[in-house]
Amino acid sequence: VSLVKGDDRREIIYQSMMNIKDEIVEAIGKKSVLIKPNMVV
C-alpha cells in the first residue's frame, strides 16, 4: 500500500508506484499485469 497526496493524477500514480517499486518487481517479475489505482478525491 502506498499513500500519496497531490493534485496531478498522473504524478500521484507515478509517485505511489515508485514508493513500492521494489515490492512490485519482486512480486510480478517480468509478467505483464494491469494495475488499477484507487484514487480518493
N, C-alpha and C. Protein backbone atom coordinates (compact mmCIF):
# COMPACT_ATOMS: atom_id res chain seq x y z
N VAL A 1 0.85 -1.17 0.00
CA VAL A 1 0.00 0.00 0.00
C VAL A 1 0.89 1.23 0.00
N SER A 2 0.50 2.21 -0.80
CA SER A 2 1.24 3.46 -0.87
C SER A 2 0.25 4.61 -0.88
N LEU A 3 0.46 5.58 -0.02
CA LEU A 3 -0.41 6.76 0.03
C LEU A 3 0.36 7.99 -0.41
N VAL A 4 -0.23 8.75 -1.34
CA VAL A 4 0.39 9.97 -1.85
C VAL A 4 -0.69 11.03 -1.97
N LYS A 5 -0.35 12.27 -1.65
CA LYS A 5 -1.30 13.37 -1.76
C LYS A 5 -0.80 14.35 -2.81
N GLY A 6 -1.73 14.86 -3.64
CA GLY A 6 -1.35 15.83 -4.65
C GLY A 6 -2.53 16.20 -5.52
N ASP A 7 -2.26 17.00 -6.55
CA ASP A 7 -3.31 17.47 -7.45
C ASP A 7 -3.23 16.85 -8.85
N ASP A 8 -2.06 16.40 -9.26
CA ASP A 8 -1.85 15.86 -10.60
C ASP A 8 -2.00 14.34 -10.56
N ARG A 9 -3.08 13.83 -11.13
CA ARG A 9 -3.38 12.39 -11.07
C ARG A 9 -2.22 11.54 -11.58
N ARG A 10 -1.64 11.91 -12.70
CA ARG A 10 -0.54 11.14 -13.27
C ARG A 10 0.65 11.10 -12.31
N GLU A 11 0.99 12.24 -11.73
CA GLU A 11 2.11 12.32 -10.79
C GLU A 11 1.83 11.53 -9.51
N ILE A 12 0.60 11.58 -9.03
CA ILE A 12 0.22 10.82 -7.83
C ILE A 12 0.41 9.33 -8.08
N ILE A 13 -0.07 8.84 -9.22
CA ILE A 13 0.06 7.42 -9.55
C ILE A 13 1.54 7.05 -9.67
N TYR A 14 2.30 7.87 -10.37
CA TYR A 14 3.73 7.60 -10.54
C TYR A 14 4.44 7.52 -9.19
N GLN A 15 4.21 8.51 -8.34
CA GLN A 15 4.88 8.53 -7.03
C GLN A 15 4.47 7.34 -6.17
N SER A 16 3.19 6.97 -6.20
CA SER A 16 2.76 5.83 -5.39
C SER A 16 3.40 4.53 -5.88
N MET A 17 3.57 4.40 -7.19
CA MET A 17 4.22 3.19 -7.72
C MET A 17 5.71 3.18 -7.39
N MET A 18 6.35 4.33 -7.45
CA MET A 18 7.78 4.41 -7.11
C MET A 18 8.01 4.08 -5.63
N ASN A 19 7.05 4.42 -4.78
CA ASN A 19 7.18 4.12 -3.35
C ASN A 19 7.24 2.62 -3.07
N ILE A 20 6.61 1.82 -3.92
CA ILE A 20 6.59 0.37 -3.69
C ILE A 20 7.21 -0.39 -4.86
N LYS A 21 8.06 0.27 -5.62
CA LYS A 21 8.67 -0.32 -6.81
C LYS A 21 9.34 -1.66 -6.53
N ASP A 22 10.15 -1.74 -5.48
CA ASP A 22 10.87 -2.98 -5.18
C ASP A 22 9.90 -4.13 -4.89
N GLU A 23 8.83 -3.85 -4.17
CA GLU A 23 7.83 -4.87 -3.87
C GLU A 23 7.11 -5.33 -5.14
N ILE A 24 6.82 -4.40 -6.04
CA ILE A 24 6.14 -4.74 -7.28
C ILE A 24 7.03 -5.64 -8.14
N VAL A 25 8.29 -5.25 -8.32
CA VAL A 25 9.22 -6.02 -9.14
C VAL A 25 9.40 -7.42 -8.56
N GLU A 26 9.52 -7.52 -7.25
CA GLU A 26 9.69 -8.83 -6.61
C GLU A 26 8.47 -9.72 -6.81
N ALA A 27 7.28 -9.14 -6.74
CA ALA A 27 6.05 -9.92 -6.83
C ALA A 27 5.72 -10.36 -8.25
N ILE A 28 5.94 -9.49 -9.25
CA ILE A 28 5.49 -9.83 -10.60
C ILE A 28 6.63 -10.16 -11.56
N GLY A 29 7.85 -9.81 -11.23
CA GLY A 29 8.97 -10.10 -12.11
C GLY A 29 8.77 -9.49 -13.48
N LYS A 30 8.80 -10.33 -14.51
CA LYS A 30 8.66 -9.84 -15.89
C LYS A 30 7.29 -10.13 -16.48
N LYS A 31 6.33 -10.51 -15.64
CA LYS A 31 4.97 -10.77 -16.11
C LYS A 31 4.29 -9.46 -16.51
N SER A 32 3.36 -9.56 -17.42
CA SER A 32 2.53 -8.41 -17.78
C SER A 32 1.32 -8.39 -16.87
N VAL A 33 1.07 -7.28 -16.23
CA VAL A 33 -0.07 -7.15 -15.33
C VAL A 33 -0.74 -5.80 -15.53
N LEU A 34 -1.97 -5.71 -15.09
CA LEU A 34 -2.71 -4.45 -15.10
C LEU A 34 -2.86 -4.01 -13.65
N ILE A 35 -2.42 -2.80 -13.36
CA ILE A 35 -2.55 -2.25 -12.01
C ILE A 35 -3.55 -1.12 -12.07
N LYS A 36 -4.63 -1.24 -11.29
CA LYS A 36 -5.67 -0.22 -11.29
C LYS A 36 -5.58 0.59 -10.00
N PRO A 37 -5.16 1.85 -10.09
CA PRO A 37 -5.07 2.68 -8.89
C PRO A 37 -6.46 3.01 -8.35
N ASN A 38 -6.56 3.10 -7.03
CA ASN A 38 -7.79 3.51 -6.38
C ASN A 38 -7.57 4.92 -5.84
N MET A 39 -8.18 5.91 -6.49
CA MET A 39 -7.96 7.30 -6.11
C MET A 39 -9.17 7.83 -5.36
N VAL A 40 -8.92 8.44 -4.21
CA VAL A 40 -9.97 9.04 -3.40
C VAL A 40 -9.82 10.55 -3.50
N VAL A 41 -10.91 11.21 -3.86
CA VAL A 41 -10.86 12.66 -4.02
C VAL A 41 -11.60 13.33 -2.88
